[in-house]
């Protein structure tokens, strides 16, 4: 259900977005979707899982962008006949620092702060918790096409969440697409 809602939101954003020039500049916006693999903290004993992320941002300057991000990952682990399911939803506000070595390539680093909601169920029992979360990430956008309005986006991120009275750090490698919208 989360995948369907994310896809519908992305299509709606793209349908009403007006493409802008490929080069990042003050006043441009960006929307994107990423699909990745999340490796959970070893203390959780959870298997890796797929993750989905929806992003939207605004270029405050050519080098700095403010971005909102929603990320979701679900894991199912079976050990000695016991099934553990975990669902993690993270909402972040990121500060993205863009670099411009070439017009078609834009590497970036980001830091973000937000909230993590975690649900864990095992043998019919379920527990929920929410807490603060922060992330650091690095990646790059690779623009393509004649007008270079779309980009392939690759990044590696580490999200640390404080839930269930402990701190866990999950690592995600993701790839996706970004579309420039603007003035």
N, C-alpha and C. Protein backbone atom coordinates (compact mmCIF):
# COMPACT_ATOMS: atom_id res chain seq x y z
N UNK A 1 0.82 -1.19 0.00
CA UNK A 1 0.00 0.00 0.00
C UNK A 1 0.87 1.26 0.00
N UNK A 2 1.98 1.25 0.78
CA UNK A 2 2.86 2.41 0.83
C UNK A 2 3.48 2.66 -0.54
N UNK A 3 3.83 1.58 -1.24
CA UNK A 3 4.43 1.72 -2.57
C UNK A 3 3.45 2.36 -3.53
N UNK A 4 2.20 1.94 -3.49
CA UNK A 4 1.18 2.50 -4.39
C UNK A 4 0.95 3.98 -4.09
N UNK A 5 0.85 4.34 -2.80
CA UNK A 5 0.64 5.74 -2.45
C UNK A 5 1.82 6.62 -2.86
N UNK A 6 3.03 6.11 -2.68
CA UNK A 6 4.21 6.86 -3.08
C UNK A 6 4.23 7.06 -4.59
N UNK A 7 3.90 6.02 -5.36
CA UNK A 7 3.88 6.11 -6.81
C UNK A 7 2.82 7.12 -7.27
N UNK A 8 1.64 7.08 -6.68
CA UNK A 8 0.56 8.01 -7.05
C UNK A 8 0.98 9.45 -6.75
N UNK A 9 1.61 9.68 -5.59
CA UNK A 9 2.07 11.02 -5.24
C UNK A 9 3.12 11.51 -6.23
N UNK A 10 4.03 10.64 -6.62
CA UNK A 10 5.07 11.01 -7.56
C UNK A 10 4.49 11.36 -8.92
N UNK A 11 3.55 10.56 -9.41
CA UNK A 11 2.92 10.84 -10.71
C UNK A 11 2.17 12.17 -10.66
N UNK A 12 1.48 12.44 -9.54
CA UNK A 12 0.75 13.71 -9.41
C UNK A 12 1.71 14.90 -9.41
N UNK A 13 2.81 14.79 -8.69
CA UNK A 13 3.79 15.87 -8.68
C UNK A 13 4.37 16.11 -10.07
N UNK A 14 4.70 15.04 -10.78
CA UNK A 14 5.29 15.17 -12.11
C UNK A 14 4.28 15.72 -13.12
N UNK A 15 3.01 15.37 -12.96
CA UNK A 15 2.00 15.83 -13.90
C UNK A 15 1.79 17.33 -13.83
N UNK A 16 1.98 17.91 -12.64
CA UNK A 16 1.75 19.34 -12.47
C UNK A 16 3.03 20.16 -12.41
N UNK A 17 4.16 19.50 -12.52
CA UNK A 17 5.44 20.22 -12.44
C UNK A 17 5.83 20.77 -13.79
N UNK A 18 6.38 21.95 -13.78
CA UNK A 18 6.88 22.58 -15.00
C UNK A 18 8.39 22.38 -15.03
N UNK A 19 8.93 21.69 -16.03
CA UNK A 19 10.36 21.49 -16.07
C UNK A 19 11.12 22.80 -16.20
N UNK A 20 12.27 22.85 -15.55
CA UNK A 20 13.14 24.02 -15.63
C UNK A 20 14.46 23.60 -16.26
N UNK A 21 15.40 24.53 -16.32
CA UNK A 21 16.70 24.23 -16.89
C UNK A 21 17.43 23.20 -16.04
N UNK A 22 18.31 22.41 -16.65
CA UNK A 22 19.00 21.34 -15.95
C UNK A 22 19.94 21.86 -14.88
N UNK A 23 20.56 23.00 -15.08
CA UNK A 23 21.53 23.48 -14.13
C UNK A 23 20.83 23.96 -12.86
N UNK A 24 21.31 23.47 -11.71
CA UNK A 24 20.73 23.85 -10.43
C UNK A 24 21.01 25.33 -10.18
N UNK A 25 19.97 26.05 -9.78
CA UNK A 25 20.15 27.46 -9.46
C UNK A 25 19.13 27.84 -8.40
N UNK A 26 19.34 28.96 -7.78
CA UNK A 26 18.44 29.48 -6.76
C UNK A 26 17.02 29.54 -7.32
N UNK A 27 16.05 29.04 -6.53
CA UNK A 27 14.66 29.10 -6.94
C UNK A 27 14.15 27.86 -7.64
N UNK A 28 15.03 26.96 -8.06
CA UNK A 28 14.59 25.71 -8.68
C UNK A 28 14.09 24.75 -7.60
N UNK A 29 13.25 23.83 -8.02
CA UNK A 29 12.80 22.76 -7.14
C UNK A 29 13.16 21.42 -7.72
N UNK A 30 12.92 20.38 -6.94
CA UNK A 30 13.24 19.02 -7.40
C UNK A 30 12.32 18.04 -6.67
N UNK A 31 11.84 17.04 -7.39
CA UNK A 31 11.13 15.92 -6.78
C UNK A 31 11.83 14.65 -7.22
N UNK A 32 11.73 13.62 -6.39
CA UNK A 32 12.38 12.38 -6.75
C UNK A 32 11.86 11.20 -5.96
N UNK A 33 12.19 10.04 -6.46
CA UNK A 33 11.83 8.78 -5.80
C UNK A 33 13.05 7.87 -5.86
N UNK A 34 13.30 7.17 -4.76
CA UNK A 34 14.44 6.26 -4.67
C UNK A 34 13.96 4.89 -4.22
N UNK A 35 14.64 3.86 -4.70
CA UNK A 35 14.43 2.48 -4.26
C UNK A 35 15.77 1.96 -3.79
N UNK A 36 15.81 1.34 -2.63
CA UNK A 36 17.11 0.92 -2.13
C UNK A 36 17.06 -0.33 -1.28
N UNK A 37 18.22 -0.63 -0.69
CA UNK A 37 18.38 -1.77 0.19
C UNK A 37 18.87 -1.24 1.53
N UNK A 38 18.14 -1.58 2.60
CA UNK A 38 18.48 -1.14 3.94
C UNK A 38 19.09 -2.30 4.72
N UNK A 39 20.28 -2.06 5.26
CA UNK A 39 20.94 -3.00 6.17
C UNK A 39 20.67 -2.50 7.59
N UNK A 40 19.95 -3.31 8.37
CA UNK A 40 19.61 -2.90 9.73
C UNK A 40 20.80 -3.06 10.67
N UNK A 41 20.78 -2.27 11.74
CA UNK A 41 21.79 -2.35 12.78
C UNK A 41 21.91 -3.81 13.24
N UNK A 42 23.13 -4.29 13.44
CA UNK A 42 23.35 -5.69 13.81
C UNK A 42 22.70 -6.05 15.15
N UNK A 43 22.48 -5.08 16.03
CA UNK A 43 21.83 -5.34 17.32
C UNK A 43 20.36 -5.71 17.17
N UNK A 44 19.74 -5.43 16.04
CA UNK A 44 18.31 -5.70 15.86
C UNK A 44 18.03 -7.13 15.41
N UNK A 45 19.03 -7.82 14.87
CA UNK A 45 18.86 -9.18 14.33
C UNK A 45 17.85 -9.24 13.20
N UNK A 46 17.66 -8.16 12.47
CA UNK A 46 16.74 -8.12 11.34
C UNK A 46 17.52 -8.31 10.04
N UNK A 47 16.88 -9.00 9.09
CA UNK A 47 17.47 -9.14 7.76
C UNK A 47 17.38 -7.81 7.02
N UNK A 48 18.19 -7.67 5.97
CA UNK A 48 18.10 -6.47 5.14
C UNK A 48 16.74 -6.45 4.45
N UNK A 49 16.35 -5.26 3.99
CA UNK A 49 15.05 -5.13 3.33
C UNK A 49 15.10 -4.08 2.24
N UNK A 50 14.06 -4.07 1.43
CA UNK A 50 13.90 -3.03 0.43
C UNK A 50 13.41 -1.77 1.12
N UNK A 51 13.74 -0.62 0.52
CA UNK A 51 13.24 0.64 1.05
C UNK A 51 12.78 1.52 -0.10
N UNK A 52 11.88 2.41 0.20
CA UNK A 52 11.33 3.34 -0.78
C UNK A 52 11.36 4.72 -0.17
N UNK A 53 11.76 5.71 -0.97
CA UNK A 53 11.89 7.07 -0.47
C UNK A 53 11.28 8.04 -1.47
N UNK A 54 10.58 9.05 -0.96
CA UNK A 54 10.01 10.12 -1.77
C UNK A 54 10.63 11.42 -1.27
N UNK A 55 11.12 12.26 -2.21
CA UNK A 55 11.82 13.49 -1.84
C UNK A 55 11.25 14.68 -2.59
N UNK A 56 11.37 15.83 -1.97
CA UNK A 56 11.03 17.09 -2.63
C UNK A 56 11.87 18.19 -2.03
N UNK A 57 12.44 19.06 -2.87
CA UNK A 57 13.34 20.07 -2.33
C UNK A 57 13.25 21.39 -3.06
N UNK A 58 13.88 22.39 -2.45
CA UNK A 58 13.92 23.74 -2.99
C UNK A 58 15.37 24.24 -2.90
N UNK A 59 15.88 24.80 -4.00
CA UNK A 59 17.24 25.32 -4.06
C UNK A 59 17.26 26.73 -3.48
N UNK A 60 17.77 26.86 -2.27
CA UNK A 60 17.88 28.16 -1.62
C UNK A 60 18.95 28.99 -2.32
N UNK A 61 20.07 28.34 -2.65
CA UNK A 61 21.14 28.94 -3.45
C UNK A 61 21.60 27.87 -4.44
N UNK A 62 22.55 28.20 -5.26
CA UNK A 62 23.10 27.21 -6.20
C UNK A 62 23.74 26.03 -5.48
N UNK A 63 24.28 26.27 -4.28
CA UNK A 63 25.00 25.23 -3.55
C UNK A 63 24.19 24.58 -2.43
N UNK A 64 23.11 25.22 -1.95
CA UNK A 64 22.38 24.69 -0.80
C UNK A 64 20.91 24.47 -1.12
N UNK A 65 20.40 23.32 -0.72
CA UNK A 65 19.02 22.93 -0.96
C UNK A 65 18.41 22.44 0.35
N UNK A 66 17.14 22.77 0.58
CA UNK A 66 16.37 22.23 1.69
C UNK A 66 15.45 21.17 1.09
N UNK A 67 15.42 20.00 1.72
CA UNK A 67 14.70 18.87 1.14
C UNK A 67 13.88 18.17 2.22
N UNK A 68 12.65 17.81 1.88
CA UNK A 68 11.83 16.95 2.73
C UNK A 68 11.91 15.53 2.18
N UNK A 69 11.94 14.55 3.08
CA UNK A 69 12.08 13.16 2.65
C UNK A 69 11.21 12.25 3.51
N UNK A 70 10.52 11.32 2.85
CA UNK A 70 9.79 10.26 3.54
C UNK A 70 10.41 8.94 3.08
N UNK A 71 10.83 8.10 4.02
CA UNK A 71 11.44 6.82 3.69
C UNK A 71 10.72 5.71 4.46
N UNK A 72 10.52 4.57 3.80
CA UNK A 72 9.84 3.46 4.42
C UNK A 72 10.60 2.17 4.10
N UNK A 73 10.75 1.31 5.11
CA UNK A 73 11.40 0.01 4.92
C UNK A 73 10.68 -1.02 5.79
N UNK A 74 10.49 -2.22 5.25
CA UNK A 74 9.85 -3.31 5.97
C UNK A 74 10.75 -4.53 5.92
N UNK A 75 10.88 -5.23 7.05
CA UNK A 75 11.72 -6.41 7.11
C UNK A 75 10.94 -7.58 7.70
N UNK A 76 11.22 -8.78 7.20
CA UNK A 76 10.64 -10.00 7.74
C UNK A 76 11.78 -10.99 7.93
N UNK A 77 12.00 -11.42 9.17
CA UNK A 77 13.09 -12.31 9.51
C UNK A 77 12.54 -13.55 10.19
N UNK A 78 13.01 -14.72 9.74
CA UNK A 78 12.62 -15.98 10.38
C UNK A 78 13.85 -16.62 10.99
N UNK A 79 13.73 -16.94 12.29
CA UNK A 79 14.84 -17.55 13.01
C UNK A 79 14.28 -18.59 13.98
N UNK A 80 14.67 -19.86 13.80
CA UNK A 80 14.21 -20.96 14.64
C UNK A 80 12.68 -21.04 14.71
N UNK A 81 12.04 -20.82 13.56
CA UNK A 81 10.59 -20.93 13.47
C UNK A 81 9.83 -19.71 13.98
N UNK A 82 10.53 -18.68 14.43
CA UNK A 82 9.88 -17.46 14.92
C UNK A 82 10.02 -16.38 13.86
N UNK A 83 8.90 -15.79 13.47
CA UNK A 83 8.90 -14.73 12.46
C UNK A 83 8.82 -13.37 13.13
N UNK A 84 9.75 -12.51 12.77
CA UNK A 84 9.76 -11.14 13.27
C UNK A 84 9.56 -10.21 12.09
N UNK A 85 8.59 -9.32 12.20
CA UNK A 85 8.33 -8.32 11.17
C UNK A 85 8.59 -6.94 11.76
N UNK A 86 9.27 -6.11 10.99
CA UNK A 86 9.54 -4.74 11.43
C UNK A 86 9.21 -3.78 10.30
N UNK A 87 8.62 -2.66 10.66
CA UNK A 87 8.29 -1.61 9.71
C UNK A 87 8.84 -0.30 10.24
N UNK A 88 9.60 0.40 9.40
CA UNK A 88 10.20 1.66 9.81
C UNK A 88 9.79 2.76 8.83
N UNK A 89 9.24 3.83 9.34
CA UNK A 89 8.90 5.00 8.54
C UNK A 89 9.68 6.17 9.09
N UNK A 90 10.39 6.89 8.22
CA UNK A 90 11.22 8.01 8.64
C UNK A 90 10.83 9.25 7.84
N UNK A 91 10.62 10.36 8.54
CA UNK A 91 10.38 11.65 7.88
C UNK A 91 11.51 12.58 8.28
N UNK A 92 12.16 13.19 7.28
CA UNK A 92 13.35 14.01 7.51
C UNK A 92 13.23 15.37 6.84
N UNK A 93 13.92 16.33 7.40
CA UNK A 93 14.21 17.60 6.74
C UNK A 93 15.72 17.60 6.56
N UNK A 94 16.17 17.68 5.32
CA UNK A 94 17.59 17.57 4.99
C UNK A 94 18.14 18.90 4.49
N UNK A 95 19.37 19.16 4.83
CA UNK A 95 20.15 20.23 4.23
C UNK A 95 21.11 19.58 3.24
N UNK A 96 20.97 19.89 1.96
CA UNK A 96 21.76 19.25 0.90
C UNK A 96 22.77 20.26 0.36
N UNK A 97 24.03 19.87 0.35
CA UNK A 97 25.11 20.71 -0.17
C UNK A 97 25.56 20.15 -1.50
N UNK A 98 25.31 20.88 -2.59
CA UNK A 98 25.59 20.43 -3.95
C UNK A 98 26.94 20.94 -4.44
N UNK A 99 27.62 20.11 -5.20
CA UNK A 99 28.89 20.48 -5.84
C UNK A 99 28.69 20.39 -7.34
N UNK A 100 29.46 21.11 -8.14
CA UNK A 100 29.23 21.20 -9.58
C UNK A 100 30.51 21.00 -10.39
N UNK A 101 31.07 19.79 -10.41
CA UNK A 101 32.28 19.59 -11.21
C UNK A 101 32.00 19.62 -12.71
N UNK A 102 30.79 19.17 -13.12
CA UNK A 102 30.36 19.18 -14.52
C UNK A 102 28.88 19.49 -14.55
N UNK A 103 28.40 20.00 -15.66
CA UNK A 103 26.98 20.35 -15.77
C UNK A 103 26.08 19.13 -15.61
N UNK A 104 26.50 17.97 -16.13
CA UNK A 104 25.66 16.78 -16.10
C UNK A 104 25.83 15.95 -14.84
N UNK A 105 26.76 16.30 -13.96
CA UNK A 105 27.01 15.54 -12.73
C UNK A 105 26.99 16.49 -11.54
N UNK A 106 26.16 16.17 -10.55
CA UNK A 106 26.07 17.00 -9.35
C UNK A 106 26.21 16.12 -8.11
N UNK A 107 27.42 15.96 -7.58
CA UNK A 107 27.59 15.24 -6.31
C UNK A 107 27.03 16.09 -5.16
N UNK A 108 26.68 15.43 -4.06
CA UNK A 108 26.15 16.14 -2.91
C UNK A 108 26.45 15.38 -1.62
N UNK A 109 26.37 16.09 -0.53
CA UNK A 109 26.34 15.52 0.81
C UNK A 109 25.14 16.14 1.51
N UNK A 110 24.56 15.39 2.44
CA UNK A 110 23.42 15.94 3.15
C UNK A 110 23.43 15.52 4.60
N UNK A 111 22.81 16.32 5.41
CA UNK A 111 22.54 16.01 6.81
C UNK A 111 21.07 16.28 7.04
N UNK A 112 20.45 15.45 7.85
CA UNK A 112 19.03 15.62 8.08
C UNK A 112 18.64 15.28 9.50
N UNK A 113 17.50 15.82 9.90
CA UNK A 113 16.95 15.56 11.22
C UNK A 113 15.46 15.33 11.06
N UNK A 114 14.92 14.39 11.83
CA UNK A 114 13.49 14.12 11.72
C UNK A 114 13.00 13.15 12.76
N UNK A 115 12.07 12.31 12.32
CA UNK A 115 11.37 11.40 13.22
C UNK A 115 11.31 10.01 12.60
N UNK A 116 11.46 8.98 13.45
CA UNK A 116 11.33 7.59 13.02
C UNK A 116 10.18 6.94 13.78
N UNK A 117 9.32 6.24 13.05
CA UNK A 117 8.24 5.45 13.65
C UNK A 117 8.54 3.99 13.35
N UNK A 118 8.61 3.16 14.39
CA UNK A 118 8.99 1.75 14.24
C UNK A 118 7.90 0.87 14.83
N UNK A 119 7.54 -0.18 14.10
CA UNK A 119 6.60 -1.19 14.57
C UNK A 119 7.29 -2.54 14.43
N UNK A 120 7.29 -3.32 15.52
CA UNK A 120 7.87 -4.66 15.50
C UNK A 120 6.82 -5.62 16.00
N UNK A 121 6.63 -6.74 15.26
CA UNK A 121 5.69 -7.77 15.70
C UNK A 121 6.37 -9.13 15.64
N UNK A 122 6.04 -9.95 16.65
CA UNK A 122 6.62 -11.29 16.74
C UNK A 122 5.65 -12.17 17.52
N UNK A 123 5.34 -13.32 16.95
CA UNK A 123 4.46 -14.31 17.60
C UNK A 123 3.16 -13.69 18.10
N UNK A 124 2.56 -12.84 17.28
CA UNK A 124 1.27 -12.24 17.62
C UNK A 124 1.35 -11.03 18.53
N UNK A 125 2.53 -10.72 19.05
CA UNK A 125 2.70 -9.54 19.88
C UNK A 125 3.27 -8.42 19.03
N UNK A 126 2.88 -7.18 19.35
CA UNK A 126 3.32 -6.04 18.56
C UNK A 126 3.71 -4.89 19.48
N UNK A 127 4.73 -4.14 19.06
CA UNK A 127 5.16 -2.96 19.82
C UNK A 127 5.46 -1.83 18.84
N UNK A 128 5.09 -0.61 19.22
CA UNK A 128 5.33 0.59 18.42
C UNK A 128 6.14 1.57 19.25
N UNK A 129 6.97 2.35 18.57
CA UNK A 129 7.67 3.44 19.23
C UNK A 129 8.06 4.48 18.20
N UNK A 130 8.21 5.71 18.66
CA UNK A 130 8.65 6.82 17.80
C UNK A 130 9.76 7.54 18.52
N UNK A 131 10.64 8.14 17.75
CA UNK A 131 11.72 8.90 18.35
C UNK A 131 12.41 9.76 17.32
N UNK A 132 13.37 10.53 17.79
CA UNK A 132 14.11 11.39 16.88
C UNK A 132 15.05 10.56 16.02
N UNK A 133 15.38 11.11 14.87
CA UNK A 133 16.28 10.43 13.94
C UNK A 133 17.11 11.49 13.23
N UNK A 134 18.31 11.09 12.84
CA UNK A 134 19.13 11.96 12.03
C UNK A 134 19.87 11.12 11.01
N UNK A 135 20.31 11.76 9.95
CA UNK A 135 21.02 11.03 8.91
C UNK A 135 22.15 11.86 8.32
N UNK A 136 23.10 11.13 7.77
CA UNK A 136 24.14 11.70 6.93
C UNK A 136 24.15 10.87 5.66
N UNK A 137 24.43 11.51 4.54
CA UNK A 137 24.42 10.80 3.27
C UNK A 137 25.34 11.50 2.27
N UNK A 138 25.73 10.75 1.28
CA UNK A 138 26.51 11.29 0.16
C UNK A 138 26.05 10.58 -1.09
N UNK A 139 26.06 11.31 -2.20
CA UNK A 139 25.63 10.71 -3.45
C UNK A 139 25.87 11.65 -4.61
N UNK A 140 25.22 11.33 -5.72
CA UNK A 140 25.36 12.17 -6.91
C UNK A 140 24.14 12.03 -7.79
N UNK A 141 23.86 13.09 -8.54
CA UNK A 141 22.84 13.07 -9.59
C UNK A 141 23.58 13.06 -10.93
N UNK A 142 23.09 12.25 -11.85
CA UNK A 142 23.66 12.15 -13.19
C UNK A 142 22.55 12.50 -14.18
N UNK A 143 22.61 13.71 -14.74
CA UNK A 143 21.56 14.19 -15.63
C UNK A 143 21.68 13.54 -17.00
N UNK A 144 20.53 13.33 -17.64
CA UNK A 144 20.52 12.71 -18.96
C UNK A 144 19.41 13.32 -19.81
N UNK A 145 19.43 12.97 -21.07
CA UNK A 145 18.44 13.50 -22.02
C UNK A 145 18.93 14.78 -22.67
N UNK A 146 18.25 15.17 -23.74
CA UNK A 146 18.65 16.35 -24.50
C UNK A 146 18.62 17.62 -23.63
N UNK A 147 17.56 17.80 -22.86
CA UNK A 147 17.44 18.99 -22.02
C UNK A 147 18.03 18.78 -20.62
N UNK A 148 18.40 17.58 -20.29
CA UNK A 148 18.96 17.22 -18.98
C UNK A 148 18.09 17.73 -17.84
N UNK A 149 16.80 17.43 -17.90
CA UNK A 149 15.86 17.83 -16.85
C UNK A 149 15.66 16.71 -15.82
N UNK A 150 16.04 15.49 -16.17
CA UNK A 150 15.90 14.34 -15.28
C UNK A 150 17.28 13.81 -14.93
N UNK A 151 17.35 13.16 -13.79
CA UNK A 151 18.64 12.64 -13.35
C UNK A 151 18.49 11.30 -12.66
N UNK A 152 19.48 10.46 -12.85
CA UNK A 152 19.63 9.25 -12.07
C UNK A 152 20.29 9.69 -10.76
N UNK A 153 19.77 9.23 -9.65
CA UNK A 153 20.30 9.64 -8.35
C UNK A 153 20.76 8.41 -7.59
N UNK A 154 22.00 8.39 -7.12
CA UNK A 154 22.56 7.31 -6.31
C UNK A 154 23.05 7.89 -5.00
N UNK A 155 22.73 7.23 -3.88
CA UNK A 155 23.29 7.70 -2.62
C UNK A 155 23.41 6.59 -1.58
N UNK A 156 24.27 6.87 -0.62
CA UNK A 156 24.51 5.99 0.51
C UNK A 156 24.21 6.81 1.76
N UNK A 157 23.31 6.30 2.61
CA UNK A 157 22.92 7.07 3.80
C UNK A 157 22.98 6.20 5.05
N UNK A 158 23.19 6.87 6.17
CA UNK A 158 23.17 6.23 7.49
C UNK A 158 22.16 6.98 8.34
N UNK A 159 21.11 6.28 8.76
CA UNK A 159 20.05 6.87 9.58
C UNK A 159 20.16 6.30 10.99
N UNK A 160 20.29 7.17 11.96
CA UNK A 160 20.33 6.77 13.36
C UNK A 160 19.02 7.20 14.01
N UNK A 161 18.33 6.24 14.64
CA UNK A 161 17.04 6.51 15.27
C UNK A 161 17.10 6.13 16.74
N UNK A 162 16.47 6.94 17.56
CA UNK A 162 16.38 6.67 19.00
C UNK A 162 14.97 6.18 19.31
N UNK A 163 14.79 4.86 19.27
CA UNK A 163 13.50 4.24 19.57
C UNK A 163 13.72 3.06 20.51
N UNK A 164 12.68 2.69 21.23
CA UNK A 164 12.73 1.58 22.19
C UNK A 164 13.89 1.75 23.17
N UNK A 165 14.14 2.97 23.62
CA UNK A 165 15.17 3.30 24.60
C UNK A 165 16.58 2.91 24.18
N UNK A 166 16.82 2.85 22.89
CA UNK A 166 18.18 2.61 22.39
C UNK A 166 18.36 3.29 21.05
N UNK A 167 19.60 3.39 20.65
CA UNK A 167 19.95 4.04 19.39
C UNK A 167 20.41 2.98 18.39
N UNK A 168 19.81 2.97 17.21
CA UNK A 168 20.21 2.04 16.16
C UNK A 168 20.56 2.82 14.90
N UNK A 169 21.50 2.28 14.14
CA UNK A 169 21.93 2.92 12.90
C UNK A 169 21.75 1.95 11.74
N UNK A 170 20.95 2.37 10.76
CA UNK A 170 20.70 1.57 9.56
C UNK A 170 21.38 2.23 8.38
N UNK A 171 21.90 1.42 7.48
CA UNK A 171 22.59 1.91 6.29
C UNK A 171 21.77 1.55 5.06
N UNK A 172 21.57 2.53 4.17
CA UNK A 172 20.78 2.30 2.95
C UNK A 172 21.56 2.75 1.73
N UNK A 173 21.62 1.87 0.73
CA UNK A 173 22.14 2.24 -0.58
C UNK A 173 20.94 2.32 -1.51
N UNK A 174 20.75 3.47 -2.15
CA UNK A 174 19.55 3.67 -2.96
C UNK A 174 19.88 4.28 -4.32
N UNK A 175 19.02 3.99 -5.26
CA UNK A 175 19.09 4.59 -6.59
C UNK A 175 17.69 5.02 -6.98
N UNK A 176 17.62 6.07 -7.76
CA UNK A 176 16.30 6.54 -8.16
C UNK A 176 16.40 7.62 -9.21
N UNK A 177 15.32 8.34 -9.35
CA UNK A 177 15.24 9.40 -10.35
C UNK A 177 14.84 10.71 -9.69
N UNK A 178 15.34 11.79 -10.23
CA UNK A 178 14.99 13.13 -9.76
C UNK A 178 14.58 13.96 -10.97
N UNK A 179 13.60 14.82 -10.79
CA UNK A 179 13.12 15.69 -11.85
C UNK A 179 13.19 17.13 -11.37
N UNK A 180 13.69 17.99 -12.20
CA UNK A 180 13.82 19.41 -11.88
C UNK A 180 12.48 20.09 -12.16
N UNK A 181 12.03 20.89 -11.22
CA UNK A 181 10.85 21.73 -11.41
C UNK A 181 11.29 23.15 -11.08
N UNK A 182 10.62 24.13 -11.61
CA UNK A 182 11.13 25.46 -11.29
C UNK A 182 10.34 26.61 -11.84
N UNK A 183 11.04 27.73 -11.73
CA UNK A 183 10.47 29.01 -12.07
C UNK A 183 10.38 29.22 -13.55
